[in-house]
Amino acid sequence: MDDSMNDEDIPKARMVGKYEKAHNRSLVGVWSFRFGGQIGVISVSHENSKLWILCENRAEDSIFLDEKMILTTSQTAIQSADVSVDGQYVVMVGLNSTVYEVELINSVKTMAVDFDYLEATFCAVQPKKTGYITAAYSGFLKEIRNCSKELVRQEAFPGVRQISCLKFSRDGKYLAVGQLDGGIEMLHSEDLKSYHKYEVHSMRIRKIEFLPGDDRFLSGCEDRLIKLHSMSDFAHEADPTRSTKAVRVYSAHDAPVTGLTIDEKSGGTRFASASSSSQIFIWHIELTTPIMSIVNDHTSAIAALSFSPTSRHLLSGGDEGMLQIFNIPGVGEESPQHMVFYPTVEQAKAETEHLEDPYYQQENEPPSDYSQSAAESQQYYTQQGEEASDYQPEDSSTAQYQEYNPYAEPRTPPQEEEDIGDYVYNTTVPVEQNGASPQSNEYNPEV
C-alpha cells in the first residue's frame, strides 16, 4: 500500500453517534428499516426491545437516535430475535421459552406466549410475516402462526439440539439451519425437508445472511471466517447433496465472527461483519480481504450490526449495551462490471489514416506476421461500430472485476494461525474530544 492512502481527500468512515446507555444489558441485534417516511431502528437486548427513529440533518451534517418507546420487557434474557425486512413484525425468544411478538402496522401490538421449557429456543420470521419457525428440544421444528400460540405444523428434526441459528431465505422458499458443529442444513420451507447440506465450517455458526436477488448466502462462524455459498451450483461437488467447499472465503478477523449484515442498497455487493474482539470490517463481495476497518469504542463482543436503508450509516451494538452510528462513505455502489470499448466509424477512419502516414510506417513497422492493411482495419472497425449499439455489458458474475474501493488493495489473506492484528488498515477517523485533526498512521508492510 502506498502513501496515497493517507491522502486527506480519501473518504473515511467516522463515528457520528454514541449511546453508552442505550441498553443496560448485552445487545442481541439491531435492525433498521423505512418507517413512514423516516428511518426506524429496533434494538433488542437481553432485557428489553426499543423503537428508535434515526434523525439526520444533512445541512448540519449531524445525525442522532431518538428513542420512541420500549416495545417489550423480558424477565429472563432474550437469546434469539428476528425482525421482518419492513420492521413491522418482531419475534424474540427468552431463555425460559417465552416468545414475545410485536406488530408495528397501524398501532403497536404486543403479545407474550409461554411455551414449555426448551420448547422454543431460536426463531426465524417468515418473509410474509404470517408467523415464525422455532426449534423445540423435544425434537421438532415448529411453525407458529402470527400473534397466536396456534401450531401450524411441526416436523421432526434429529439435530435440533445442535441448532445455533435459523434464517429464512428472502423469498421464503428455504430455511437455513446453522449448527454448533459448523454445518448448515438448508431445508425446503414448505415441508421442512432437507435440500442441501453445507459442511464448510469447523465451529459454531453465529450468523447467516442471504444476498438480495441472488441464490447465494453468507455465513459467519466462530472459526473467525466468513464464507459465501451457492444454493444452485453444485457441479464441482462429488456428492450433489453435500457441499464441502465454499464459493469464497473472507479472512481478517482475529476472533469469532459475531455480527453480519448486508448493505441492501448495494444489491448485495457490500456487507459488514463484527467479531467478539470488537472489530468491524466492511467487505466487497468479490474481494476476500476487507476494504475498510472501522475504529470504534466498543469494549466487548459486537453481535448487533445493521446498515441503514440509505446505506450511508452503519449501526453497531455490543455486549456493554452501547449503540454506535458510523457514517460510511461510498456505500450503495454496484459491483463493477467489465466494460469493452468499441470505437466509432469516425474514430476508426482517423486511426487508419494515421497508420498510412509514411513516417509512422517507417518508425513503427510491426513484424510482417502481425501486419494488417488499412482496408482490413477499416472494415474491422466499421463492423464493430455497427455492433456497438447492440452491445450489452457482460454479466457481472463472469466479468473481470475491478477493486470496489480504489484505495484498498487486496492482499493475500494470512494463514489462520498468524497474527493479523495489523493486517487490515484502519480507515476510520475516531471522534476526538479536543476537536484536533487526527494523525494519520502510515502503513509499514515491513513491520
Protein backbone atom coordinates (compact mmCIF):
# COMPACT_ATOMS: atom_id res chain seq x y z
CA MET A 1 0.00 0.00 0.00
CA ASP A 2 1.35 3.38 -0.94
CA ASP A 3 1.23 6.77 0.71
CA SER A 4 -1.80 7.79 -1.35
CA MET A 5 -3.98 6.04 1.25
CA ASN A 6 -3.10 8.78 3.70
CA ASP A 7 -4.38 11.46 1.33
CA GLU A 8 -6.78 13.79 3.11
CA ASP A 9 -9.14 13.65 0.11
CA ILE A 10 -9.78 9.93 0.59
CA PRO A 11 -13.26 9.34 2.09
CA LYS A 12 -13.12 7.86 5.56
CA ALA A 13 -15.73 6.38 7.86
CA ARG A 14 -16.31 8.30 11.05
CA MET A 15 -18.33 7.89 14.19
CA VAL A 16 -21.30 10.28 14.29
CA GLY A 17 -23.20 8.96 17.30
CA LYS A 18 -22.55 7.03 20.51
CA TYR A 19 -25.13 5.97 23.10
CA GLU A 20 -23.37 4.32 26.01
CA LYS A 21 -26.55 3.51 27.95
CA ALA A 22 -28.83 2.57 25.09
CA HIS A 23 -29.44 -0.68 26.99
CA ASN A 24 -28.37 -1.90 30.41
CA ARG A 25 -27.53 -5.37 29.16
CA SER A 26 -25.97 -7.00 26.09
CA LEU A 27 -27.50 -6.34 22.69
CA VAL A 28 -28.78 -9.32 20.72
CA GLY A 29 -29.45 -7.47 17.47
CA VAL A 30 -30.28 -4.19 15.75
CA TRP A 31 -32.36 -3.65 12.60
CA SER A 32 -33.07 -0.51 10.55
CA PHE A 33 -35.90 0.00 8.04
CA ARG A 34 -38.15 2.55 6.33
CA PHE A 35 -40.75 3.75 8.79
CA GLY A 36 -43.42 6.13 7.44
CA GLY A 37 -41.04 8.42 5.58
CA GLN A 38 -38.43 8.10 8.30
CA ILE A 39 -35.80 5.54 9.24
CA GLY A 40 -36.83 3.31 12.10
CA VAL A 41 -34.46 1.30 14.27
CA ILE A 42 -35.29 -1.64 16.53
CA SER A 43 -32.74 -2.75 19.08
CA VAL A 44 -33.10 -5.92 21.15
CA SER A 45 -31.10 -6.61 24.29
CA HIS A 46 -31.22 -9.34 26.92
CA GLU A 47 -33.65 -7.25 28.98
CA ASN A 48 -35.93 -5.41 26.51
CA SER A 49 -36.52 -4.12 22.99
CA LYS A 50 -36.77 -0.49 21.87
CA LEU A 51 -38.02 1.53 18.91
CA TRP A 52 -35.89 4.46 17.73
CA ILE A 53 -36.04 6.99 14.92
CA LEU A 54 -32.81 7.79 13.08
CA CYS A 55 -32.87 11.56 12.56
CA GLU A 56 -30.47 13.05 10.01
CA ASN A 57 -29.77 16.73 9.33
CA ARG A 58 -27.72 16.92 6.13
CA ALA A 59 -27.42 20.69 6.27
CA GLU A 60 -25.64 20.50 9.62
CA ASP A 61 -24.09 17.10 8.83
CA SER A 62 -25.47 15.62 12.05
CA ILE A 63 -27.41 12.51 12.99
CA PHE A 64 -28.89 11.13 16.20
CA LEU A 65 -31.16 8.41 17.55
CA ASP A 66 -34.48 9.46 19.08
CA GLU A 67 -35.84 6.81 21.45
CA LYS A 68 -39.59 6.48 20.94
CA MET A 69 -40.69 3.64 23.18
CA ILE A 70 -39.85 0.38 24.91
CA LEU A 71 -41.61 -2.37 22.99
CA THR A 72 -41.19 -5.33 25.36
CA THR A 73 -39.53 -6.19 28.65
CA SER A 74 -38.33 -9.70 29.44
CA GLN A 75 -37.98 -11.34 32.85
CA THR A 76 -35.26 -13.64 31.53
CA ALA A 77 -32.54 -12.94 28.99
CA ILE A 78 -33.52 -12.84 25.32
CA GLN A 79 -31.43 -15.43 23.47
CA SER A 80 -32.74 -15.06 19.91
CA ALA A 81 -34.59 -12.39 17.91
CA ASP A 82 -35.61 -11.68 14.33
CA VAL A 83 -37.32 -8.76 12.58
CA SER A 84 -39.07 -8.61 9.21
CA VAL A 85 -37.44 -6.54 6.45
CA ASP A 86 -40.01 -3.74 6.81
CA GLY A 87 -39.75 -3.73 10.61
CA GLN A 88 -43.45 -4.47 11.11
CA TYR A 89 -43.07 -7.84 12.81
CA VAL A 90 -40.67 -8.67 15.65
CA VAL A 91 -40.16 -12.04 17.37
CA MET A 92 -37.97 -12.64 20.44
CA VAL A 93 -37.33 -15.82 22.44
CA GLY A 94 -36.32 -15.80 26.11
CA LEU A 95 -34.30 -18.39 28.00
CA ASN A 96 -37.48 -19.57 29.71
CA SER A 97 -39.05 -20.32 26.28
CA THR A 98 -41.32 -17.28 26.42
CA VAL A 99 -41.88 -15.84 22.94
CA TYR A 100 -42.52 -12.10 22.59
CA GLU A 101 -44.17 -10.81 19.42
CA VAL A 102 -44.59 -7.19 18.31
CA GLU A 103 -46.61 -5.85 15.36
CA LEU A 104 -45.94 -2.30 14.16
CA ILE A 105 -48.53 -1.60 11.48
CA ASN A 106 -51.20 0.98 12.33
CA SER A 107 -50.56 0.65 16.05
CA VAL A 108 -48.25 -1.24 18.38
CA LYS A 109 -49.49 -4.72 19.25
CA THR A 110 -47.51 -6.91 21.64
CA MET A 111 -48.05 -10.47 22.78
CA ALA A 112 -46.18 -12.91 25.04
CA VAL A 113 -46.64 -16.68 24.75
CA ASP A 114 -45.25 -19.16 27.29
CA PHE A 115 -44.10 -22.47 25.85
CA ASP A 116 -42.92 -25.45 27.85
CA TYR A 117 -39.30 -25.28 28.93
CA LEU A 118 -36.92 -25.56 25.94
CA GLU A 119 -39.85 -25.89 23.54
CA ALA A 120 -38.84 -22.56 21.95
CA THR A 121 -35.12 -21.81 21.66
CA PHE A 122 -34.39 -19.99 18.38
CA CYS A 123 -36.64 -18.15 15.94
CA ALA A 124 -36.84 -17.01 12.32
CA VAL A 125 -39.53 -14.68 10.97
CA GLN A 126 -41.20 -15.73 7.72
CA PRO A 127 -40.76 -13.10 4.97
CA LYS A 128 -44.54 -12.84 4.50
CA LYS A 129 -44.94 -12.19 8.27
CA THR A 130 -47.52 -14.95 8.63
CA GLY A 131 -45.63 -16.45 11.54
CA TYR A 132 -42.28 -17.79 12.63
CA ILE A 133 -40.28 -21.00 12.99
CA THR A 134 -38.82 -22.08 16.32
CA ALA A 135 -36.77 -25.07 17.49
CA ALA A 136 -38.06 -27.34 20.27
CA TYR A 137 -35.75 -29.62 22.23
CA SER A 138 -38.41 -32.31 22.07
CA GLY A 139 -37.03 -32.91 18.56
CA PHE A 140 -39.17 -30.72 16.31
CA LEU A 141 -39.11 -27.59 14.20
CA LYS A 142 -42.40 -25.81 14.82
CA GLU A 143 -44.23 -23.22 12.76
CA ILE A 144 -46.36 -20.86 14.87
CA ARG A 145 -48.99 -18.53 13.46
CA ASN A 146 -48.52 -14.78 13.79
CA CYS A 147 -49.51 -13.38 17.22
CA SER A 148 -51.01 -16.61 18.50
CA LYS A 149 -49.93 -19.86 20.03
CA GLU A 150 -51.54 -21.78 17.20
CA LEU A 151 -49.29 -24.55 15.93
CA VAL A 152 -49.48 -24.59 12.14
CA ARG A 153 -47.22 -27.64 11.77
CA GLN A 154 -44.24 -29.41 13.24
CA GLU A 155 -41.62 -31.61 11.61
CA ALA A 156 -39.11 -33.89 13.28
CA PHE A 157 -35.52 -32.67 13.08
CA PRO A 158 -32.94 -35.11 14.50
CA GLY A 159 -30.26 -32.50 15.15
CA VAL A 160 -32.49 -29.96 16.86
CA ARG A 161 -30.22 -29.74 19.90
CA GLN A 162 -27.29 -28.81 17.66
CA ILE A 163 -29.05 -25.75 16.21
CA SER A 164 -27.27 -22.43 16.72
CA CYS A 165 -29.32 -20.10 14.46
CA LEU A 166 -32.22 -20.03 11.98
CA LYS A 167 -32.74 -17.85 8.90
CA PHE A 168 -35.30 -17.79 6.08
CA SER A 169 -34.24 -17.04 2.51
CA ARG A 170 -35.58 -13.76 1.13
CA ASP A 171 -38.23 -15.46 -0.99
CA GLY A 172 -39.25 -17.69 1.90
CA LYS A 173 -38.63 -20.90 -0.03
CA TYR A 174 -35.77 -22.12 2.13
CA LEU A 175 -34.86 -22.22 5.80
CA ALA A 176 -31.17 -22.25 6.74
CA VAL A 177 -30.32 -24.05 9.98
CA GLY A 178 -26.92 -23.20 11.45
CA GLN A 179 -25.42 -25.79 13.76
CA LEU A 180 -22.92 -25.97 16.61
CA ASP A 181 -20.53 -28.23 14.68
CA GLY A 182 -20.18 -25.75 11.81
CA GLY A 183 -22.66 -27.40 9.47
CA ILE A 184 -25.55 -25.64 7.71
CA GLU A 185 -28.67 -27.58 6.78
CA MET A 186 -30.78 -25.98 4.03
CA LEU A 187 -34.43 -27.04 4.23
CA HIS A 188 -37.44 -26.60 1.95
CA SER A 189 -39.68 -24.27 3.95
CA GLU A 190 -42.88 -25.84 2.61
CA ASP A 191 -42.23 -29.24 4.18
CA LEU A 192 -39.03 -28.65 6.23
CA LYS A 193 -37.29 -31.47 4.36
CA SER A 194 -33.58 -31.34 3.58
CA TYR A 195 -32.49 -29.61 0.37
CA HIS A 196 -28.71 -29.41 0.80
CA LYS A 197 -26.03 -29.80 3.46
CA TYR A 198 -23.03 -27.47 3.81
CA GLU A 199 -20.02 -28.76 5.73
CA VAL A 200 -17.59 -25.87 5.34
CA HIS A 201 -17.02 -24.56 8.88
CA SER A 202 -15.40 -26.19 11.89
CA MET A 203 -17.14 -24.39 14.77
CA ARG A 204 -20.46 -22.84 15.80
CA ILE A 205 -22.37 -20.91 13.12
CA ARG A 206 -23.25 -17.47 14.51
CA LYS A 207 -24.90 -15.65 11.61
CA ILE A 208 -26.46 -16.45 8.23
CA GLU A 209 -27.44 -13.75 5.73
CA PHE A 210 -28.94 -14.22 2.25
CA LEU A 211 -27.91 -11.89 -0.58
CA PRO A 212 -30.76 -9.89 -2.18
CA GLY A 213 -31.87 -11.12 -5.60
CA ASP A 214 -29.35 -13.94 -5.51
CA ASP A 215 -29.12 -17.65 -4.77
CA ARG A 216 -26.09 -17.20 -2.52
CA PHE A 217 -25.72 -16.61 1.20
CA LEU A 218 -23.05 -15.72 3.75
CA SER A 219 -22.22 -17.49 6.99
CA GLY A 220 -20.26 -16.13 9.96
CA CYS A 221 -18.61 -18.61 12.28
CA GLU A 222 -16.64 -18.88 15.49
CA ASP A 223 -13.71 -20.16 13.41
CA ARG A 224 -13.13 -16.46 12.57
CA LEU A 225 -14.13 -16.92 8.92
CA ILE A 226 -16.96 -15.68 6.72
CA LYS A 227 -17.89 -17.84 3.76
CA LEU A 228 -20.01 -17.41 0.64
CA HIS A 229 -22.16 -20.34 -0.51
CA SER A 230 -24.25 -21.12 -3.57
CA MET A 231 -27.67 -22.74 -3.47
CA SER A 232 -27.65 -23.90 -7.09
CA ASP A 233 -24.10 -24.51 -8.34
CA PHE A 234 -23.08 -27.96 -7.09
CA ALA A 235 -21.30 -29.16 -10.25
CA HIS A 236 -17.91 -29.21 -8.53
CA GLU A 237 -19.17 -31.42 -5.69
CA ALA A 238 -18.76 -35.19 -5.76
CA ASP A 239 -21.98 -35.54 -3.77
CA PRO A 240 -24.73 -33.20 -5.13
CA THR A 241 -26.50 -33.25 -1.75
CA ARG A 242 -23.48 -32.09 0.23
CA SER A 243 -21.01 -29.20 -0.16
CA THR A 244 -17.56 -29.24 1.39
CA LYS A 245 -16.13 -26.14 -0.29
CA ALA A 246 -17.32 -22.54 -0.18
CA VAL A 247 -17.55 -20.23 -3.17
CA ARG A 248 -15.36 -17.68 -1.41
CA VAL A 249 -13.68 -17.31 2.00
CA TYR A 250 -13.29 -13.94 3.75
CA SER A 251 -10.48 -13.84 6.28
CA ALA A 252 -9.35 -10.98 8.54
CA HIS A 253 -10.98 -11.34 11.96
CA ASP A 254 -8.81 -12.37 14.90
CA ALA A 255 -11.76 -13.64 16.97
CA PRO A 256 -15.12 -15.38 16.41
CA VAL A 257 -17.44 -13.63 13.97
CA THR A 258 -20.50 -12.48 15.92
CA GLY A 259 -22.15 -9.91 13.63
CA LEU A 260 -23.06 -9.91 9.92
CA THR A 261 -25.22 -7.59 7.81
CA ILE A 262 -25.84 -6.90 4.11
CA ASP A 263 -25.91 -3.45 2.51
CA GLU A 264 -29.30 -3.72 0.80
CA LYS A 265 -28.85 -0.69 -1.44
CA SER A 266 -25.65 -2.09 -2.91
CA GLY A 267 -27.58 -5.05 -4.26
CA GLY A 268 -25.63 -7.43 -2.07
CA THR A 269 -22.18 -6.42 -3.28
CA ARG A 270 -21.22 -4.97 0.08
CA PHE A 271 -21.52 -6.30 3.62
CA ALA A 272 -20.17 -5.68 7.12
CA SER A 273 -19.02 -8.04 9.84
CA ALA A 274 -18.10 -7.80 13.52
CA SER A 275 -16.30 -10.02 16.00
CA SER A 276 -16.07 -10.79 19.70
CA SER A 277 -12.88 -8.68 19.83
CA SER A 278 -14.82 -5.53 18.79
CA GLN A 279 -13.54 -5.50 15.21
CA ILE A 280 -15.79 -4.12 12.47
CA PHE A 281 -14.90 -4.70 8.81
CA ILE A 282 -16.61 -3.72 5.58
CA TRP A 283 -16.18 -6.01 2.59
CA HIS A 284 -16.90 -6.19 -1.12
CA ILE A 285 -18.47 -9.48 -2.13
CA GLU A 286 -15.79 -10.10 -4.79
CA LEU A 287 -12.78 -9.42 -2.54
CA THR A 288 -11.52 -11.80 0.12
CA THR A 289 -9.97 -9.06 2.26
CA PRO A 290 -11.76 -6.06 3.83
CA ILE A 291 -11.99 -2.74 2.05
CA MET A 292 -12.43 -0.85 5.31
CA SER A 293 -11.74 -1.34 9.02
CA ILE A 294 -13.79 0.78 11.41
CA VAL A 295 -12.30 2.01 14.66
CA ASN A 296 -14.99 2.02 17.34
CA ASP A 297 -15.45 2.48 21.08
CA HIS A 298 -16.91 -0.94 21.82
CA THR A 299 -15.14 -2.86 24.56
CA SER A 300 -16.79 -6.26 24.10
CA ALA A 301 -18.32 -8.56 21.51
CA ILE A 302 -20.46 -6.92 18.79
CA ALA A 303 -23.49 -9.03 17.89
CA ALA A 304 -25.77 -6.25 16.61
CA LEU A 305 -24.95 -4.79 13.19
CA SER A 306 -27.13 -3.10 10.55
CA PHE A 307 -26.79 -0.83 7.52
CA SER A 308 -29.35 1.95 7.28
CA PRO A 309 -31.77 1.78 4.29
CA THR A 310 -29.94 4.74 2.72
CA SER A 311 -26.61 2.88 3.03
CA ARG A 312 -24.98 6.00 4.43
CA HIS A 313 -24.79 4.75 8.01
CA LEU A 314 -23.87 1.61 9.92
CA LEU A 315 -25.25 0.85 13.38
CA SER A 316 -23.50 -1.42 15.86
CA GLY A 317 -24.37 -2.73 19.31
CA GLY A 318 -22.14 -4.53 21.80
CA ASP A 319 -22.34 -6.60 24.94
CA GLU A 320 -21.70 -3.48 27.03
CA GLY A 321 -25.12 -2.14 25.94
CA MET A 322 -23.71 0.63 23.74
CA LEU A 323 -25.11 1.68 20.36
CA GLN A 324 -22.87 3.47 17.85
CA ILE A 325 -23.54 5.09 14.47
CA PHE A 326 -20.93 5.43 11.73
CA ASN A 327 -21.04 7.49 8.56
CA ILE A 328 -19.94 5.14 5.78
CA PRO A 329 -18.78 6.76 2.50
CA GLY A 330 -19.23 5.16 -0.86
CA VAL A 331 -21.85 2.58 0.07
CA GLY A 332 -24.61 1.67 -2.33
CA GLU A 333 -22.28 1.26 -5.31
CA GLU A 334 -22.98 -1.64 -7.59
CA SER A 335 -20.44 -4.31 -8.34
CA PRO A 336 -18.08 -3.09 -11.06
CA GLN A 337 -18.56 -4.62 -14.47
CA HIS A 338 -16.05 -5.37 -17.20
CA MET A 339 -16.67 -2.82 -19.96
CA VAL A 340 -15.43 -3.18 -23.56
CA PHE A 341 -14.87 -0.09 -25.72
CA TYR A 342 -15.68 -0.19 -29.42
CA PRO A 343 -14.50 2.83 -31.48
CA THR A 344 -16.91 4.62 -33.78
CA VAL A 345 -16.55 4.62 -37.56
CA GLU A 346 -15.07 8.13 -37.44
CA GLN A 347 -12.50 7.08 -34.85
CA ALA A 348 -11.59 4.02 -36.91
CA LYS A 349 -11.15 6.14 -40.04
CA ALA A 350 -8.90 8.59 -38.24
CA GLU A 351 -6.83 5.70 -36.91
CA THR A 352 -6.35 4.13 -40.34
CA GLU A 353 -5.35 7.47 -41.86
CA HIS A 354 -2.76 7.80 -39.14
CA LEU A 355 -1.40 4.33 -39.89
CA GLU A 356 -0.97 5.23 -43.58
CA ASP A 357 1.45 8.01 -42.73
CA PRO A 358 4.86 7.05 -44.30
CA TYR A 359 6.82 8.30 -41.30
CA TYR A 360 4.72 6.29 -38.90
CA GLN A 361 5.09 3.15 -41.01
CA GLN A 362 8.86 3.58 -41.13
CA GLU A 363 9.33 4.12 -37.40
CA ASN A 364 6.69 1.71 -36.13
CA GLU A 365 6.60 -1.07 -38.72
CA PRO A 366 5.35 -4.22 -36.94
CA PRO A 367 6.50 -7.73 -37.85
CA SER A 368 5.04 -8.99 -41.10
CA ASP A 369 3.07 -11.74 -39.34
CA TYR A 370 1.10 -9.11 -37.42
CA SER A 371 0.64 -6.52 -40.20
CA GLN A 372 -2.78 -5.52 -41.38
CA SER A 373 -3.78 -3.40 -44.34
CA ALA A 374 -5.62 -0.13 -43.89
CA ALA A 375 -8.58 -1.51 -45.79
CA GLU A 376 -8.86 -4.54 -43.48
CA SER A 377 -8.57 -2.32 -40.44
CA GLN A 378 -11.29 -0.01 -41.77
CA GLN A 379 -13.59 -2.98 -42.42
CA TYR A 380 -13.00 -4.38 -38.90
CA TYR A 381 -13.74 -1.14 -37.08
CA THR A 382 -16.77 -0.42 -39.28
CA GLN A 383 -18.22 -3.81 -38.34
CA GLN A 384 -17.51 -3.25 -34.65
CA GLY A 385 -19.08 0.20 -34.82
CA GLU A 386 -22.32 -1.28 -36.15
CA GLU A 387 -22.38 -3.87 -33.36
CA ALA A 388 -21.67 -1.33 -30.63
CA SER A 389 -25.27 -0.14 -30.48
CA ASP A 390 -26.41 -3.69 -29.65
CA TYR A 391 -23.66 -4.31 -27.12
CA GLN A 392 -24.65 -5.18 -23.57
CA PRO A 393 -22.18 -5.29 -20.67
CA GLU A 394 -21.02 -8.71 -19.67
CA ASP A 395 -22.78 -10.41 -16.85
CA SER A 396 -21.18 -9.35 -13.58
CA SER A 397 -20.90 -12.94 -12.40
CA THR A 398 -18.39 -13.75 -15.20
CA ALA A 399 -16.85 -10.33 -15.67
CA GLN A 400 -13.32 -9.31 -14.70
CA TYR A 401 -13.95 -7.32 -11.54
CA GLN A 402 -12.02 -4.29 -10.58
CA GLU A 403 -11.42 -3.29 -6.99
CA TYR A 404 -14.55 -1.96 -5.25
CA ASN A 405 -12.61 0.65 -3.28
CA PRO A 406 -9.70 2.17 -5.24
CA TYR A 407 -7.86 2.96 -2.03
CA ALA A 408 -7.84 -0.59 -0.69
CA GLU A 409 -5.57 -3.04 -2.47
CA PRO A 410 -6.48 -6.66 -1.81
CA ARG A 411 -3.72 -8.76 -0.34
CA THR A 412 -3.24 -12.45 0.10
CA PRO A 413 -5.11 -13.49 3.27
CA PRO A 414 -2.87 -14.62 6.14
CA GLN A 415 -2.89 -18.12 7.46
CA GLU A 416 -5.38 -18.85 10.22
CA GLU A 417 -2.73 -19.14 12.94
CA GLU A 418 -0.84 -15.98 12.01
CA ASP A 419 -1.13 -12.69 13.85
CA ILE A 420 -3.37 -10.49 11.67
CA GLY A 421 -3.84 -7.65 14.08
CA ASP A 422 -2.17 -5.16 11.72
CA TYR A 423 -3.23 -6.89 8.54
CA VAL A 424 -6.10 -4.58 7.56
CA TYR A 425 -5.57 -0.85 7.62
CA ASN A 426 -7.94 1.36 9.56
CA THR A 427 -9.78 3.96 7.51
CA THR A 428 -11.93 5.34 10.27
CA VAL A 429 -11.28 8.70 11.85
CA PRO A 430 -12.36 8.46 15.53
CA VAL A 431 -14.05 11.47 17.07
CA GLU A 432 -11.67 13.26 19.43
CA GLN A 433 -12.83 15.38 22.34
CA ASN A 434 -10.45 18.29 21.70
CA GLY A 435 -11.52 18.62 18.08
CA ALA A 436 -7.96 18.35 16.84
CA SER A 437 -7.30 16.75 13.48
CA PRO A 438 -6.42 13.06 13.85
CA GLN A 439 -2.91 11.99 12.99
CA SER A 440 -2.61 9.58 10.10
CA ASN A 441 -0.65 6.41 10.66
CA GLU A 442 1.21 5.25 7.60
CA TYR A 443 1.12 1.56 6.92
CA ASN A 444 4.58 -0.09 7.01
CA PRO A 445 4.45 -3.53 5.35
CA GLU A 446 7.83 -4.46 6.84
CA VAL A 447 6.68 -4.09 10.48
